[in-house]
Each structure stands twice: as structure tokens, then as C-alpha cells.
């Protein structure tokens, strides 16, 4: 690699798991996501790909994203996405949705209290 970074999109270093599948194969391969940007990602895993291979990646909270393998080095490879994604979504905890607003919840003080015993 050179000392000059030609990429224009900021990347987040993180550690997530994702599934990668090749369009010609039905199998999904589990990979580690080492960094993620709106335009692509670096994956690490035992997937046999070549540069230019079309792939699909299932990213947490985002879903399946299409891309192409841009580079390969040992068991790491870069994927350039066809469409940009929001990398912050992948960082968000799974299943966090809007909670019930506080004003809708019943107040605790108005609930009947059973007999109180002295200790």
C-alpha cells in the first residue's frame, strides 16, 4: 500500500459480524467487518473471492447490500458498495426502537400499595 490514501469517504473502525454471499452460490459466509463507510467496507474471513467479484453483504440494521470486491490481501478484502449506506445504523444496538413515552406510562405513586409490615 502507498502512504497516500485516495479514498474520500470517512471510515469507522469497528468490529461487527456480517454474512457475505456470492450470487452464483447459495451459501452464506460469516465475516468480520473491520471498517465501514458509506461507500464500502473491509471484511475478514475465509471467503474465496477474486477482485471484481459481485457480492452481497448482510449488515446489521441495514440488510443486504450489493457490492463488488475492490481488493484482496490475505484473508481480508475490500467491498465497494453499489449504493451508499448509513454506517451509523450498523453501530446502533439491534432491536432498539422507540420506547413508550413517559407520559403514557401509569404513575407508580397512584398504584395501590399492599399492607406494610415493620421490620
N, C-alpha and C. Protein backbone atom coordinates (compact mmCIF):
# COMPACT_ATOMS: atom_id res chain seq x y z
N UNK A 1 0.84 -1.17 0.00
CA UNK A 1 0.00 0.00 0.00
C UNK A 1 0.89 1.24 0.00
N UNK A 2 0.39 2.31 -0.52
CA UNK A 2 1.14 3.55 -0.53
C UNK A 2 0.78 4.38 0.69
N UNK A 3 1.56 5.43 0.91
CA UNK A 3 1.29 6.32 2.03
C UNK A 3 0.14 7.27 1.75
N UNK A 4 -0.28 7.35 0.51
CA UNK A 4 -1.36 8.25 0.13
C UNK A 4 -2.67 7.48 0.12
N UNK A 5 -3.67 8.00 0.81
CA UNK A 5 -4.98 7.37 0.85
C UNK A 5 -5.89 8.09 -0.13
N UNK A 6 -6.32 7.40 -1.18
CA UNK A 6 -7.11 8.02 -2.23
C UNK A 6 -8.61 7.97 -1.95
N UNK A 7 -9.01 7.36 -0.86
CA UNK A 7 -10.42 7.27 -0.55
C UNK A 7 -10.91 8.60 0.01
N UNK A 8 -12.11 8.99 -0.39
CA UNK A 8 -12.65 10.29 0.01
C UNK A 8 -13.70 10.18 1.11
N UNK A 9 -14.21 8.99 1.39
CA UNK A 9 -15.23 8.83 2.40
C UNK A 9 -14.61 8.43 3.72
N UNK A 10 -15.09 9.03 4.81
CA UNK A 10 -14.59 8.68 6.13
C UNK A 10 -14.98 7.26 6.49
N UNK A 11 -14.12 6.58 7.26
CA UNK A 11 -14.39 5.20 7.65
C UNK A 11 -14.46 5.12 9.16
N UNK A 12 -15.30 4.22 9.66
CA UNK A 12 -15.37 3.93 11.08
C UNK A 12 -14.71 2.59 11.31
N UNK A 13 -13.73 2.56 12.20
CA UNK A 13 -13.16 1.27 12.59
C UNK A 13 -14.11 0.65 13.61
N UNK A 14 -14.45 -0.59 13.41
CA UNK A 14 -15.37 -1.26 14.29
C UNK A 14 -15.20 -2.75 14.15
N UNK A 15 -15.90 -3.50 14.95
CA UNK A 15 -15.87 -4.95 14.86
C UNK A 15 -17.29 -5.45 14.91
N UNK A 16 -17.79 -5.88 13.77
CA UNK A 16 -19.13 -6.46 13.64
C UNK A 16 -19.01 -7.75 12.86
N UNK A 17 -20.00 -8.57 12.97
CA UNK A 17 -20.08 -9.77 12.14
C UNK A 17 -21.13 -9.52 11.06
N UNK A 18 -20.91 -10.10 9.90
CA UNK A 18 -21.84 -9.96 8.78
C UNK A 18 -21.80 -11.24 7.95
N UNK A 19 -22.79 -11.41 7.10
CA UNK A 19 -22.81 -12.53 6.18
C UNK A 19 -22.53 -12.01 4.78
N UNK A 20 -21.71 -12.75 4.05
CA UNK A 20 -21.40 -12.44 2.65
C UNK A 20 -21.85 -13.61 1.81
N UNK A 21 -22.49 -13.31 0.69
CA UNK A 21 -22.84 -14.38 -0.24
C UNK A 21 -22.47 -13.97 -1.65
N UNK A 22 -22.08 -14.97 -2.40
CA UNK A 22 -21.75 -14.78 -3.80
C UNK A 22 -23.00 -15.10 -4.61
N UNK A 23 -23.33 -14.30 -5.61
CA UNK A 23 -24.56 -14.54 -6.37
C UNK A 23 -24.67 -15.93 -6.98
N UNK A 24 -23.55 -16.54 -7.39
CA UNK A 24 -23.62 -17.86 -8.02
C UNK A 24 -23.69 -19.00 -7.00
N UNK A 25 -23.53 -18.70 -5.72
CA UNK A 25 -23.56 -19.74 -4.68
C UNK A 25 -24.69 -19.45 -3.70
N UNK A 26 -25.27 -20.52 -3.16
CA UNK A 26 -26.35 -20.36 -2.20
C UNK A 26 -25.84 -20.18 -0.77
N UNK A 27 -24.59 -20.52 -0.53
CA UNK A 27 -24.04 -20.49 0.82
C UNK A 27 -23.73 -19.05 1.26
N UNK A 28 -23.90 -18.82 2.57
CA UNK A 28 -23.51 -17.55 3.17
C UNK A 28 -22.26 -17.79 4.01
N UNK A 29 -21.35 -16.83 3.99
CA UNK A 29 -20.10 -16.93 4.72
C UNK A 29 -20.07 -15.84 5.78
N UNK A 30 -19.73 -16.21 7.00
CA UNK A 30 -19.64 -15.26 8.10
C UNK A 30 -18.27 -14.57 8.04
N UNK A 31 -18.29 -13.24 8.09
CA UNK A 31 -17.05 -12.45 8.05
C UNK A 31 -17.06 -11.42 9.16
N UNK A 32 -15.87 -10.92 9.49
CA UNK A 32 -15.73 -9.83 10.43
C UNK A 32 -15.66 -8.53 9.64
N UNK A 33 -16.42 -7.55 10.04
CA UNK A 33 -16.36 -6.23 9.42
C UNK A 33 -15.36 -5.41 10.22
N UNK A 34 -14.24 -5.06 9.59
CA UNK A 34 -13.17 -4.33 10.28
C UNK A 34 -13.35 -2.82 10.20
N UNK A 35 -13.83 -2.32 9.07
CA UNK A 35 -14.20 -0.91 9.00
C UNK A 35 -15.30 -0.74 7.98
N UNK A 36 -16.03 0.34 8.13
CA UNK A 36 -17.24 0.55 7.33
C UNK A 36 -17.38 2.02 7.02
N UNK A 37 -17.69 2.33 5.78
CA UNK A 37 -18.01 3.69 5.37
C UNK A 37 -19.28 3.64 4.55
N UNK A 38 -19.74 4.80 4.14
CA UNK A 38 -20.96 4.85 3.32
C UNK A 38 -20.76 4.14 1.99
N UNK A 39 -19.53 4.12 1.48
CA UNK A 39 -19.27 3.56 0.17
C UNK A 39 -18.68 2.17 0.13
N UNK A 40 -18.30 1.62 1.30
CA UNK A 40 -17.69 0.30 1.27
C UNK A 40 -17.27 -0.18 2.65
N UNK A 41 -16.59 -1.32 2.67
CA UNK A 41 -16.17 -1.92 3.93
C UNK A 41 -14.95 -2.80 3.72
N UNK A 42 -14.27 -3.11 4.83
CA UNK A 42 -13.21 -4.11 4.81
C UNK A 42 -13.71 -5.30 5.61
N UNK A 43 -13.64 -6.48 5.00
CA UNK A 43 -14.08 -7.71 5.64
C UNK A 43 -12.90 -8.64 5.83
N UNK A 44 -13.04 -9.51 6.83
CA UNK A 44 -12.01 -10.51 7.09
C UNK A 44 -12.70 -11.85 7.28
N UNK A 45 -12.26 -12.83 6.53
CA UNK A 45 -12.87 -14.16 6.64
C UNK A 45 -12.30 -15.12 5.62
N UNK A 46 -12.79 -16.35 5.70
CA UNK A 46 -12.30 -17.42 4.83
C UNK A 46 -13.11 -17.56 3.55
N UNK A 47 -13.54 -16.45 2.99
CA UNK A 47 -14.30 -16.47 1.75
C UNK A 47 -13.33 -16.38 0.58
N UNK A 48 -13.48 -17.27 -0.37
CA UNK A 48 -12.61 -17.26 -1.55
C UNK A 48 -13.25 -16.37 -2.62
N UNK A 49 -12.71 -15.16 -2.76
CA UNK A 49 -13.21 -14.22 -3.76
C UNK A 49 -12.04 -13.72 -4.59
N UNK A 50 -12.36 -13.16 -5.72
CA UNK A 50 -11.36 -12.53 -6.57
C UNK A 50 -11.77 -11.09 -6.81
N UNK A 51 -10.81 -10.28 -7.17
CA UNK A 51 -11.10 -8.88 -7.44
C UNK A 51 -12.12 -8.78 -8.57
N UNK A 52 -13.13 -7.95 -8.38
CA UNK A 52 -14.18 -7.79 -9.38
C UNK A 52 -15.38 -8.69 -9.16
N UNK A 53 -15.33 -9.58 -8.17
CA UNK A 53 -16.45 -10.48 -7.88
C UNK A 53 -17.62 -9.70 -7.29
N UNK A 54 -18.82 -9.95 -7.81
CA UNK A 54 -20.03 -9.34 -7.26
C UNK A 54 -20.38 -10.09 -5.98
N UNK A 55 -20.69 -9.36 -4.91
CA UNK A 55 -21.06 -9.97 -3.63
C UNK A 55 -22.26 -9.22 -3.04
N UNK A 56 -22.90 -9.87 -2.08
CA UNK A 56 -23.94 -9.24 -1.28
C UNK A 56 -23.55 -9.40 0.17
N UNK A 57 -23.74 -8.35 0.96
CA UNK A 57 -23.37 -8.36 2.37
C UNK A 57 -24.60 -8.03 3.21
N UNK A 58 -24.84 -8.82 4.24
CA UNK A 58 -25.95 -8.56 5.16
C UNK A 58 -25.38 -7.84 6.38
N UNK A 59 -25.59 -6.53 6.44
CA UNK A 59 -25.09 -5.71 7.53
C UNK A 59 -26.17 -5.50 8.58
N UNK A 60 -25.78 -5.55 9.84
CA UNK A 60 -26.71 -5.38 10.95
C UNK A 60 -27.46 -4.06 10.83
N UNK A 61 -28.76 -4.11 11.02
CA UNK A 61 -29.68 -2.96 10.99
C UNK A 61 -29.79 -2.30 9.61
N UNK A 62 -29.09 -2.82 8.60
CA UNK A 62 -29.14 -2.25 7.26
C UNK A 62 -29.77 -3.23 6.28
N UNK A 63 -29.35 -4.49 6.37
CA UNK A 63 -29.86 -5.52 5.47
C UNK A 63 -28.85 -5.85 4.39
N UNK A 64 -29.33 -6.48 3.32
CA UNK A 64 -28.45 -6.92 2.23
C UNK A 64 -28.06 -5.75 1.36
N UNK A 65 -26.74 -5.63 1.12
CA UNK A 65 -26.18 -4.56 0.31
C UNK A 65 -25.35 -5.21 -0.80
N UNK A 66 -25.53 -4.75 -2.03
CA UNK A 66 -24.76 -5.27 -3.15
C UNK A 66 -23.47 -4.49 -3.32
N UNK A 67 -22.43 -5.20 -3.75
CA UNK A 67 -21.16 -4.54 -3.98
C UNK A 67 -20.24 -5.40 -4.82
N UNK A 68 -19.01 -4.93 -4.96
CA UNK A 68 -18.01 -5.63 -5.75
C UNK A 68 -16.71 -5.65 -4.95
N UNK A 69 -15.97 -6.75 -5.05
CA UNK A 69 -14.69 -6.87 -4.35
C UNK A 69 -13.69 -5.94 -5.05
N UNK A 70 -13.15 -4.99 -4.28
CA UNK A 70 -12.24 -3.99 -4.83
C UNK A 70 -10.78 -4.38 -4.67
N UNK A 71 -10.45 -5.10 -3.58
CA UNK A 71 -9.07 -5.52 -3.35
C UNK A 71 -9.07 -6.73 -2.42
N UNK A 72 -7.95 -7.45 -2.42
CA UNK A 72 -7.78 -8.64 -1.58
C UNK A 72 -6.36 -8.63 -1.03
N UNK A 73 -6.22 -8.94 0.26
CA UNK A 73 -4.90 -9.10 0.87
C UNK A 73 -5.04 -10.15 1.97
N UNK A 74 -4.43 -11.32 1.74
CA UNK A 74 -4.53 -12.46 2.65
C UNK A 74 -5.99 -12.83 2.84
N UNK A 75 -6.48 -12.82 4.09
CA UNK A 75 -7.88 -13.18 4.33
C UNK A 75 -8.76 -11.95 4.51
N UNK A 76 -8.26 -10.79 4.11
CA UNK A 76 -9.04 -9.54 4.16
C UNK A 76 -9.33 -9.08 2.74
N UNK A 77 -10.48 -8.43 2.58
CA UNK A 77 -10.83 -7.90 1.27
C UNK A 77 -11.74 -6.70 1.43
N UNK A 78 -11.68 -5.83 0.43
CA UNK A 78 -12.50 -4.62 0.43
C UNK A 78 -13.68 -4.78 -0.50
N UNK A 79 -14.81 -4.25 -0.07
CA UNK A 79 -16.03 -4.29 -0.89
C UNK A 79 -16.48 -2.86 -1.13
N UNK A 80 -16.65 -2.50 -2.40
CA UNK A 80 -17.20 -1.20 -2.78
C UNK A 80 -18.70 -1.39 -3.02
N UNK A 81 -19.52 -0.68 -2.25
CA UNK A 81 -20.97 -0.82 -2.37
C UNK A 81 -21.47 -0.14 -3.64
N UNK A 82 -22.55 -0.70 -4.23
CA UNK A 82 -23.18 -0.06 -5.38
C UNK A 82 -23.91 1.20 -4.95
N UNK A 83 -24.59 1.14 -3.80
CA UNK A 83 -25.32 2.29 -3.26
C UNK A 83 -24.78 2.59 -1.87
N UNK A 84 -24.74 3.85 -1.50
CA UNK A 84 -24.23 4.22 -0.18
C UNK A 84 -25.16 3.75 0.93
N UNK A 85 -24.57 3.48 2.09
CA UNK A 85 -25.33 3.08 3.28
C UNK A 85 -25.03 4.07 4.40
N UNK A 86 -25.80 4.00 5.47
CA UNK A 86 -25.55 4.82 6.64
C UNK A 86 -24.80 3.98 7.66
N UNK A 87 -23.48 4.16 7.80
CA UNK A 87 -22.71 3.31 8.70
C UNK A 87 -23.12 3.43 10.16
N UNK A 88 -23.75 4.54 10.54
CA UNK A 88 -24.19 4.70 11.93
C UNK A 88 -25.29 3.70 12.29
N UNK A 89 -26.08 3.30 11.30
CA UNK A 89 -27.12 2.31 11.56
C UNK A 89 -26.53 0.98 12.01
N UNK A 90 -25.42 0.59 11.41
CA UNK A 90 -24.79 -0.68 11.76
C UNK A 90 -24.24 -0.66 13.18
N UNK A 91 -23.88 0.51 13.69
CA UNK A 91 -23.36 0.65 15.04
C UNK A 91 -24.47 0.61 16.10
N UNK A 92 -25.69 0.95 15.71
CA UNK A 92 -26.79 1.01 16.68
C UNK A 92 -27.11 -0.38 17.20
N UNK A 93 -27.48 -0.48 18.48
CA UNK A 93 -27.86 -1.79 19.02
C UNK A 93 -29.04 -2.38 18.27
N UNK A 94 -29.07 -3.69 18.17
CA UNK A 94 -30.15 -4.38 17.46
C UNK A 94 -31.42 -4.28 18.27
N UNK A 95 -32.53 -4.01 17.60
CA UNK A 95 -33.85 -4.02 18.25
C UNK A 95 -34.15 -2.80 19.09
N UNK A 96 -33.39 -1.74 18.94
CA UNK A 96 -33.71 -0.54 19.69
C UNK A 96 -34.70 0.26 18.89
N UNK A 97 -35.90 0.28 19.36
CA UNK A 97 -36.94 1.05 18.72
C UNK A 97 -37.41 2.13 19.67
N UNK A 98 -38.40 2.89 19.25
CA UNK A 98 -38.89 3.93 20.14
C UNK A 98 -39.54 3.29 21.38
N UNK A 99 -39.22 3.82 22.55
CA UNK A 99 -39.81 3.30 23.77
C UNK A 99 -41.11 4.04 24.07
N UNK A 100 -41.88 3.52 25.01
CA UNK A 100 -43.13 4.16 25.39
C UNK A 100 -42.82 5.48 26.07
N UNK A 101 -43.44 6.57 25.63
CA UNK A 101 -43.17 7.86 26.26
C UNK A 101 -43.56 7.83 27.75
N UNK A 102 -42.83 8.58 28.54
CA UNK A 102 -43.05 8.58 29.99
C UNK A 102 -44.46 9.03 30.36
N UNK A 103 -45.03 9.98 29.62
CA UNK A 103 -46.35 10.49 29.98
C UNK A 103 -47.46 9.47 29.72
N UNK A 104 -47.17 8.41 28.97
CA UNK A 104 -48.16 7.38 28.70
C UNK A 104 -48.14 6.28 29.77
N UNK A 105 -47.00 6.10 30.42
CA UNK A 105 -46.87 5.06 31.43
C UNK A 105 -47.66 5.45 32.68
N UNK A 106 -48.26 4.44 33.34
CA UNK A 106 -49.02 4.77 34.55
C UNK A 106 -48.07 5.20 35.67
N UNK A 107 -48.48 6.20 36.45
CA UNK A 107 -47.62 6.63 37.55
C UNK A 107 -47.56 5.56 38.64
N UNK A 108 -46.39 5.39 39.19
CA UNK A 108 -46.19 4.37 40.21
C UNK A 108 -46.86 4.77 41.51
N UNK A 109 -46.87 6.04 41.86
CA UNK A 109 -47.39 6.50 43.14
C UNK A 109 -48.90 6.26 43.27
N UNK A 110 -49.64 6.24 42.21
CA UNK A 110 -51.10 6.08 42.29
C UNK A 110 -51.53 4.62 42.34
N UNK A 111 -50.60 3.71 42.26
CA UNK A 111 -50.94 2.30 42.31
C UNK A 111 -51.15 1.90 43.77
N UNK A 112 -52.17 1.04 44.04
CA UNK A 112 -52.41 0.64 45.42
C UNK A 112 -51.22 -0.12 45.99
N UNK A 113 -50.92 0.18 47.24
CA UNK A 113 -49.82 -0.48 47.93
C UNK A 113 -50.43 -1.43 48.93
N UNK A 114 -49.91 -2.64 49.00
CA UNK A 114 -50.41 -3.63 49.94
C UNK A 114 -50.03 -3.27 51.36
N UNK A 115 -50.37 -4.15 52.30
CA UNK A 115 -50.05 -3.87 53.70
C UNK A 115 -48.54 -3.73 53.90
N UNK A 116 -48.17 -2.80 54.74
CA UNK A 116 -46.77 -2.55 55.03
C UNK A 116 -46.45 -3.22 56.36
N UNK A 117 -45.39 -3.95 56.41
CA UNK A 117 -45.02 -4.58 57.67
C UNK A 117 -43.77 -3.94 58.22
N UNK A 118 -43.68 -3.90 59.49
CA UNK A 118 -42.49 -3.35 60.14
C UNK A 118 -41.38 -4.38 60.17
N UNK A 119 -40.19 -3.92 59.98
CA UNK A 119 -39.06 -4.82 60.04
C UNK A 119 -38.22 -4.52 61.25
